[in-house]
Amino acid sequence: MYLMKDSAGNYTLKKIEPDGRPTLSAHPGPPLRFRTARFSPDDKMSRQRVALKKRFGLLPTQQPAPTL
């Protein structure tokens, strides 16, 4: 994660910020360079997560339509 000019966090898979500094951990606590948070697009548990949501009626398509 790196902070933008307005102090908003920006999550990234990159290890270096655009200005050349190493990215920070997204988790609170002391910064550990070897434990920086990386969010992988390769989701190995997606099938199981969708099956559970479908079983318990938690998918967005199973929710009532929002009133506008």
PDB file of N, CA and C in Angstrom:
ATOM      1  N   MET A   1       0.850  -1.164   0.000  1.00  0.00           N
ATOM      2  CA  MET A   1       0.000   0.000   0.000  1.00  0.00           C
ATOM      3  C   MET A   1       0.894   1.224   0.000  1.00  0.00           C
ATOM      4  N   TYR A   2       0.465   2.254  -0.707  1.00  0.00           N
ATOM      5  CA  TYR A   2       1.172   3.518  -0.618  1.00  0.00           C
ATOM      6  C   TYR A   2       0.154   4.633  -0.473  1.00  0.00           C
ATOM      7  N   LEU A   3       0.569   5.738   0.137  1.00  0.00           N
ATOM      8  CA  LEU A   3      -0.322   6.862   0.377  1.00  0.00           C
ATOM      9  C   LEU A   3      -0.234   7.836  -0.780  1.00  0.00           C
ATOM     10  N   MET A   4      -1.414   8.302  -1.223  1.00  0.00           N
ATOM     11  CA  MET A   4      -1.459   9.285  -2.289  1.00  0.00           C
ATOM     12  C   MET A   4      -1.363  10.675  -1.665  1.00  0.00           C
ATOM     13  N   LYS A   5      -1.380  11.727  -2.472  1.00  0.00           N
ATOM     14  CA  LYS A   5      -1.212  13.087  -1.967  1.00  0.00           C
ATOM     15  C   LYS A   5      -2.289  13.478  -0.966  1.00  0.00           C
ATOM     16  N   ASP A   6      -3.515  12.956  -1.129  1.00  0.00           N
ATOM     17  CA  ASP A   6      -4.601  13.298  -0.212  1.00  0.00           C
ATOM     18  C   ASP A   6      -4.669  12.329   0.969  1.00  0.00           C
ATOM     19  N   SER A   7      -3.604  11.588   1.239  1.00  0.00           N
ATOM     20  CA  SER A   7      -3.477  10.640   2.357  1.00  0.00           C
ATOM     21  C   SER A   7      -4.391   9.432   2.239  1.00  0.00           C
ATOM     22  N   ALA A   8      -4.962   9.188   1.086  1.00  0.00           N
ATOM     23  CA  ALA A   8      -5.777   7.991   0.878  1.00  0.00           C
ATOM     24  C   ALA A   8      -4.845   6.835   0.531  1.00  0.00           C
ATOM     25  N   GLY A   9      -5.146   5.650   1.056  1.00  0.00           N
ATOM     26  CA  GLY A   9      -4.320   4.488   0.762  1.00  0.00           C
ATOM     27  C   GLY A   9      -4.642   3.922  -0.604  1.00  0.00           C
ATOM     28  N   ASN A  10      -3.651   3.442  -1.289  1.00  0.00           N
ATOM     29  CA  ASN A  10      -3.825   2.839  -2.599  1.00  0.00           C
ATOM     30  C   ASN A  10      -3.200   1.451  -2.542  1.00  0.00           C
ATOM     31  N   TYR A  11      -4.021   0.410  -2.650  1.00  0.00           N
ATOM     32  CA  TYR A  11      -3.520  -0.960  -2.592  1.00  0.00           C
ATOM     33  C   TYR A  11      -2.931  -1.345  -3.939  1.00  0.00           C
ATOM     34  N   THR A  12      -1.837  -2.054  -3.897  1.00  0.00           N
ATOM     35  CA  THR A  12      -1.138  -2.392  -5.118  1.00  0.00           C
ATOM     36  C   THR A  12      -0.444  -3.740  -4.971  1.00  0.00           C
ATOM     37  N   LEU A  13      -0.160  -4.378  -6.087  1.00  0.00           N
ATOM     38  CA  LEU A  13       0.638  -5.600  -6.089  1.00  0.00           C
ATOM     39  C   LEU A  13       2.121  -5.286  -6.244  1.00  0.00           C
ATOM     40  N   LYS A  14       2.419  -4.028  -6.564  1.00  0.00           N
ATOM     41  CA  LYS A  14       3.798  -3.642  -6.809  1.00  0.00           C
ATOM     42  C   LYS A  14       4.559  -3.498  -5.502  1.00  0.00           C
ATOM     43  N   LYS A  15       5.857  -3.706  -5.558  1.00  0.00           N
ATOM     44  CA  LYS A  15       6.694  -3.610  -4.365  1.00  0.00           C
ATOM     45  C   LYS A  15       7.341  -2.239  -4.221  1.00  0.00           C
ATOM     46  N   ILE A  16       7.280  -1.427  -5.277  1.00  0.00           N
ATOM     47  CA  ILE A  16       7.893  -0.104  -5.268  1.00  0.00           C
ATOM     48  C   ILE A  16       6.823   0.934  -5.602  1.00  0.00           C
ATOM     49  N   GLU A  17       6.812   2.043  -4.838  1.00  0.00           N
ATOM     50  CA  GLU A  17       5.891   3.145  -5.114  1.00  0.00           C
ATOM     51  C   GLU A  17       6.319   3.848  -6.392  1.00  0.00           C
ATOM     52  N   PRO A  18       5.418   4.669  -6.980  1.00  0.00           N
ATOM     53  CA  PRO A  18       5.800   5.395  -8.194  1.00  0.00           C
ATOM     54  C   PRO A  18       7.007   6.317  -7.994  1.00  0.00           C
ATOM     55  N   ASP A  19       7.226   6.803  -6.762  1.00  0.00           N
ATOM     56  CA  ASP A  19       8.371   7.688  -6.520  1.00  0.00           C
ATOM     57  C   ASP A  19       9.646   6.928  -6.138  1.00  0.00           C
ATOM     58  N   GLY A  20       9.607   5.577  -6.146  1.00  0.00           N
ATOM     59  CA  GLY A  20      10.799   4.781  -5.918  1.00  0.00           C
ATOM     60  C   GLY A  20      10.945   4.200  -4.526  1.00  0.00           C
ATOM     61  N   ARG A  21      10.111   4.602  -3.579  1.00  0.00           N
ATOM     62  CA  ARG A  21      10.191   4.058  -2.216  1.00  0.00           C
ATOM     63  C   ARG A  21       9.483   2.709  -2.150  1.00  0.00           C
ATOM     64  N   PRO A  22       9.864   1.827  -1.209  1.00  0.00           N
ATOM     65  CA  PRO A  22       9.145   0.551  -1.063  1.00  0.00           C
ATOM     66  C   PRO A  22       7.736   0.781  -0.529  1.00  0.00           C
ATOM     67  N   THR A  23       6.801  -0.068  -0.922  1.00  0.00           N
ATOM     68  CA  THR A  23       5.425   0.072  -0.457  1.00  0.00           C
ATOM     69  C   THR A  23       5.320  -0.314   1.010  1.00  0.00           C
ATOM     70  N   LEU A  24       4.280   0.180   1.691  1.00  0.00           N
ATOM     71  CA  LEU A  24       4.045  -0.092   3.100  1.00  0.00           C
ATOM     72  C   LEU A  24       3.102  -1.268   3.256  1.00  0.00           C
ATOM     73  N   SER A  25       3.098  -1.859   4.428  1.00  0.00           N
ATOM     74  CA  SER A  25       2.160  -2.933   4.731  1.00  0.00           C
ATOM     75  C   SER A  25       0.773  -2.351   4.932  1.00  0.00           C
ATOM     76  N   ALA A  26      -0.253  -3.056   4.491  1.00  0.00           N
ATOM     77  CA  ALA A  26      -1.630  -2.610   4.676  1.00  0.00           C
ATOM     78  C   ALA A  26      -2.141  -2.964   6.061  1.00  0.00           C
ATOM     79  N   HIS A  27      -1.367  -3.737   6.811  1.00  0.00           N
ATOM     80  CA  HIS A  27      -1.783  -4.169   8.136  1.00  0.00           C
ATOM     81  C   HIS A  27      -1.184  -3.255   9.194  1.00  0.00           C
ATOM     82  N   PRO A  28      -1.931  -2.978  10.278  1.00  0.00           N
ATOM     83  CA  PRO A  28      -1.382  -2.120  11.325  1.00  0.00           C
ATOM     84  C   PRO A  28      -0.231  -2.805  12.055  1.00  0.00           C
ATOM     85  N   GLY A  29       0.562  -2.014  12.700  1.00  0.00           N
ATOM     86  CA  GLY A  29       1.680  -2.565  13.450  1.00  0.00           C
ATOM     87  C   GLY A  29       2.994  -2.092  12.879  1.00  0.00           C
ATOM     88  N   PRO A  30       4.084  -2.575  13.438  1.00  0.00           N
ATOM     89  CA  PRO A  30       5.392  -2.145  12.937  1.00  0.00           C
ATOM     90  C   PRO A  30       5.605  -2.637  11.510  1.00  0.00           C
ATOM     91  N   PRO A  31       6.174  -1.801  10.664  1.00  0.00           N
ATOM     92  CA  PRO A  31       6.390  -2.219   9.271  1.00  0.00           C
ATOM     93  C   PRO A  31       7.436  -3.319   9.174  1.00  0.00           C
ATOM     94  N   LEU A  32       7.093  -4.375   8.520  1.00  0.00           N
ATOM     95  CA  LEU A  32       8.013  -5.477   8.276  1.00  0.00           C
ATOM     96  C   LEU A  32       8.180  -5.602   6.771  1.00  0.00           C
ATOM     97  N   ARG A  33       9.377  -5.415   6.293  1.00  0.00           N
ATOM     98  CA  ARG A  33       9.585  -5.388   4.852  1.00  0.00           C
ATOM     99  C   ARG A  33       9.234  -6.710   4.200  1.00  0.00           C
ATOM    100  N   PHE A  34       9.406  -7.821   4.908  1.00  0.00           N
ATOM    101  CA  PHE A  34       9.147  -9.116   4.296  1.00  0.00           C
ATOM    102  C   PHE A  34       7.703  -9.551   4.447  1.00  0.00           C
ATOM    103  N   ARG A  35       6.852  -8.764   5.113  1.00  0.00           N
ATOM    104  CA  ARG A  35       5.454  -9.123   5.286  1.00  0.00           C
ATOM    105  C   ARG A  35       4.510  -8.078   4.709  1.00  0.00           C
ATOM    106  N   THR A  36       4.908  -7.392   3.677  1.00  0.00           N
ATOM    107  CA  THR A  36       4.011  -6.411   3.087  1.00  0.00           C
ATOM    108  C   THR A  36       2.829  -7.125   2.459  1.00  0.00           C
ATOM    109  N   ALA A  37       1.665  -6.510   2.557  1.00  0.00           N
ATOM    110  CA  ALA A  37       0.443  -7.132   2.046  1.00  0.00           C
ATOM    111  C   ALA A  37       0.457  -7.115   0.527  1.00  0.00           C
ATOM    112  N   ARG A  38       0.196  -8.237  -0.050  1.00  0.00           N
ATOM    113  CA  ARG A  38       0.066  -8.357  -1.504  1.00  0.00           C
ATOM    114  C   ARG A  38      -1.264  -9.040  -1.767  1.00  0.00           C
ATOM    115  N   PHE A  39      -2.031  -8.476  -2.650  1.00  0.00           N
ATOM    116  CA  PHE A  39      -3.335  -9.020  -2.962  1.00  0.00           C
ATOM    117  C   PHE A  39      -3.257  -9.665  -4.334  1.00  0.00           C
ATOM    118  N   SER A  40      -3.300 -10.968  -4.363  1.00  0.00           N
ATOM    119  CA  SER A  40      -3.106 -11.705  -5.598  1.00  0.00           C
ATOM    120  C   SER A  40      -4.406 -11.809  -6.386  1.00  0.00           C
ATOM    121  N   PRO A  41      -4.368 -11.582  -7.692  1.00  0.00           N
ATOM    122  CA  PRO A  41      -5.561 -11.795  -8.516  1.00  0.00           C
ATOM    123  C   PRO A  41      -5.880 -13.280  -8.678  1.00  0.00           C
ATOM    124  N   ASP A  42      -4.945 -14.150  -8.325  1.00  0.00           N
ATOM    125  CA  ASP A  42      -5.156 -15.588  -8.391  1.00  0.00           C
ATOM    126  C   ASP A  42      -5.856 -16.030  -7.110  1.00  0.00           C
ATOM    127  N   ASP A  43      -7.174 -16.209  -7.173  1.00  0.00           N
ATOM    128  CA  ASP A  43      -7.969 -16.557  -5.992  1.00  0.00           C
ATOM    129  C   ASP A  43      -8.227 -18.056  -5.996  1.00  0.00           C
ATOM    130  N   LYS A  44      -7.511 -18.789  -5.160  1.00  0.00           N
ATOM    131  CA  LYS A  44      -7.610 -20.245  -5.157  1.00  0.00           C
ATOM    132  C   LYS A  44      -8.865 -20.764  -4.467  1.00  0.00           C
ATOM    133  N   MET A  45      -9.518 -19.950  -3.644  1.00  0.00           N
ATOM    134  CA  MET A  45     -10.692 -20.400  -2.889  1.00  0.00           C
ATOM    135  C   MET A  45     -11.997 -19.811  -3.435  1.00  0.00           C
ATOM    136  N   SER A  46     -11.969 -19.225  -4.616  1.00  0.00           N
ATOM    137  CA  SER A  46     -13.146 -18.566  -5.171  1.00  0.00           C
ATOM    138  C   SER A  46     -14.321 -19.522  -5.336  1.00  0.00           C
ATOM    139  N   ARG A  47     -14.084 -20.702  -5.856  1.00  0.00           N
ATOM    140  CA  ARG A  47     -15.167 -21.656  -6.105  1.00  0.00           C
ATOM    141  C   ARG A  47     -15.885 -22.017  -4.806  1.00  0.00           C
ATOM    142  N   GLN A  48     -15.129 -22.273  -3.748  1.00  0.00           N
ATOM    143  CA  GLN A  48     -15.736 -22.630  -2.469  1.00  0.00           C
ATOM    144  C   GLN A  48     -16.493 -21.448  -1.861  1.00  0.00           C
ATOM    145  N   ARG A  49     -15.950 -20.249  -1.990  1.00  0.00           N
ATOM    146  CA  ARG A  49     -16.606 -19.063  -1.446  1.00  0.00           C
ATOM    147  C   ARG A  49     -17.940 -18.799  -2.147  1.00  0.00           C
ATOM    148  N   VAL A  50     -17.975 -18.935  -3.469  1.00  0.00           N
ATOM    149  CA  VAL A  50     -19.213 -18.732  -4.222  1.00  0.00           C
ATOM    150  C   VAL A  50     -20.227 -19.817  -3.879  1.00  0.00           C
ATOM    151  N   ALA A  51     -19.780 -21.055  -3.712  1.00  0.00           N
ATOM    152  CA  ALA A  51     -20.696 -22.147  -3.356  1.00  0.00           C
ATOM    153  C   ALA A  51     -21.340 -21.900  -1.997  1.00  0.00           C
ATOM    154  N   LEU A  52     -20.565 -21.433  -1.025  1.00  0.00           N
ATOM    155  CA  LEU A  52     -21.126 -21.131   0.298  1.00  0.00           C
ATOM    156  C   LEU A  52     -22.114 -19.977   0.241  1.00  0.00           C
ATOM    157  N   LYS A  53     -21.775 -18.931  -0.508  1.00  0.00           N
ATOM    158  CA  LYS A  53     -22.690 -17.788  -0.624  1.00  0.00           C
ATOM    159  C   LYS A  53     -23.985 -18.207  -1.313  1.00  0.00           C
ATOM    160  N   LYS A  54     -23.879 -19.076  -2.323  1.00  0.00           N
ATOM    161  CA  LYS A  54     -25.075 -19.551  -3.006  1.00  0.00           C
ATOM    162  C   LYS A  54     -25.924 -20.397  -2.063  1.00  0.00           C
ATOM    163  N   ARG A  55     -25.299 -21.256  -1.272  1.00  0.00           N
ATOM    164  CA  ARG A  55     -26.014 -22.131  -0.343  1.00  0.00           C
ATOM    165  C   ARG A  55     -26.787 -21.331   0.703  1.00  0.00           C
ATOM    166  N   PHE A  56     -26.208 -20.253   1.201  1.00  0.00           N
ATOM    167  CA  PHE A  56     -26.842 -19.480   2.262  1.00  0.00           C
ATOM    168  C   PHE A  56     -27.563 -18.232   1.753  1.00  0.00           C
ATOM    169  N   GLY A  57     -27.716 -18.095   0.427  1.00  0.00           N
ATOM    170  CA  GLY A  57     -28.482 -16.992  -0.145  1.00  0.00           C
ATOM    171  C   GLY A  57     -27.820 -15.638   0.008  1.00  0.00           C
ATOM    172  N   LEU A  58     -26.501 -15.580  -0.099  1.00  0.00           N
ATOM    173  CA  LEU A  58     -25.780 -14.330   0.100  1.00  0.00           C
ATOM    174  C   LEU A  58     -25.236 -13.714  -1.184  1.00  0.00           C
ATOM    175  N   LEU A  59     -25.514 -14.327  -2.326  1.00  0.00           N
ATOM    176  CA  LEU A  59     -25.050 -13.749  -3.583  1.00  0.00           C
ATOM    177  C   LEU A  59     -25.832 -12.474  -3.882  1.00  0.00           C
ATOM    178  N   PRO A  60     -25.207 -11.487  -4.533  1.00  0.00           N
ATOM    179  CA  PRO A  60     -25.924 -10.248  -4.856  1.00  0.00           C
ATOM    180  C   PRO A  60     -27.188 -10.486  -5.686  1.00  0.00           C
ATOM    181  N   THR A  61     -27.190 -11.526  -6.520  1.00  0.00           N
ATOM    182  CA  THR A  61     -28.380 -11.809  -7.330  1.00  0.00           C
ATOM    183  C   THR A  61     -29.501 -12.426  -6.506  1.00  0.00           C
ATOM    184  N   GLN A  62     -29.204 -12.894  -5.299  1.00  0.00           N
ATOM    185  CA  GLN A  62     -30.216 -13.489  -4.436  1.00  0.00           C
ATOM    186  C   GLN A  62     -30.773 -12.482  -3.430  1.00  0.00           C
ATOM    187  N   GLN A  63     -30.287 -11.250  -3.469  1.00  0.00           N
ATOM    188  CA  GLN A  63     -30.747 -10.211  -2.545  1.00  0.00           C
ATOM    189  C   GLN A  63     -31.925  -9.465  -3.164  1.00  0.00           C
ATOM    190  N   PRO A  64     -32.813  -8.891  -2.340  1.00  0.00           N
ATOM    191  CA  PRO A  64     -33.896  -8.083  -2.896  1.00  0.00           C
ATOM    192  C   PRO A  64     -33.331  -6.829  -3.569  1.00  0.00           C
ATOM    193  N   ALA A  65     -34.049  -6.363  -4.564  1.00  0.00           N
ATOM    194  CA  ALA A  65     -33.608  -5.175  -5.294  1.00  0.00           C
ATOM    195  C   ALA A  65     -33.637  -3.961  -4.367  1.00  0.00           C
ATOM    196  N   PRO A  66     -32.603  -3.108  -4.430  1.00  0.00           N
ATOM    197  CA  PRO A  66     -32.593  -1.915  -3.575  1.00  0.00           C
ATOM    198  C   PRO A  66     -33.651  -0.913  -4.035  1.00  0.00           C
ATOM    199  N   THR A  67     -34.253  -0.244  -3.084  1.00  0.00           N
ATOM    200  CA  THR A  67     -35.238   0.789  -3.422  1.00  0.00           C
ATOM    201  C   THR A  67     -34.506   2.098  -3.637  1.00  0.00           C
ATOM    202  N   LEU A  68     -34.803   2.736  -4.733  1.00  0.00           N
ATOM    203  CA  LEU A  68     -34.119   3.988  -5.066  1.00  0.00           C
ATOM    204  C   LEU A  68     -34.931   5.178  -4.724  1.00  0.00           C
TER     205      LEU A  68
END
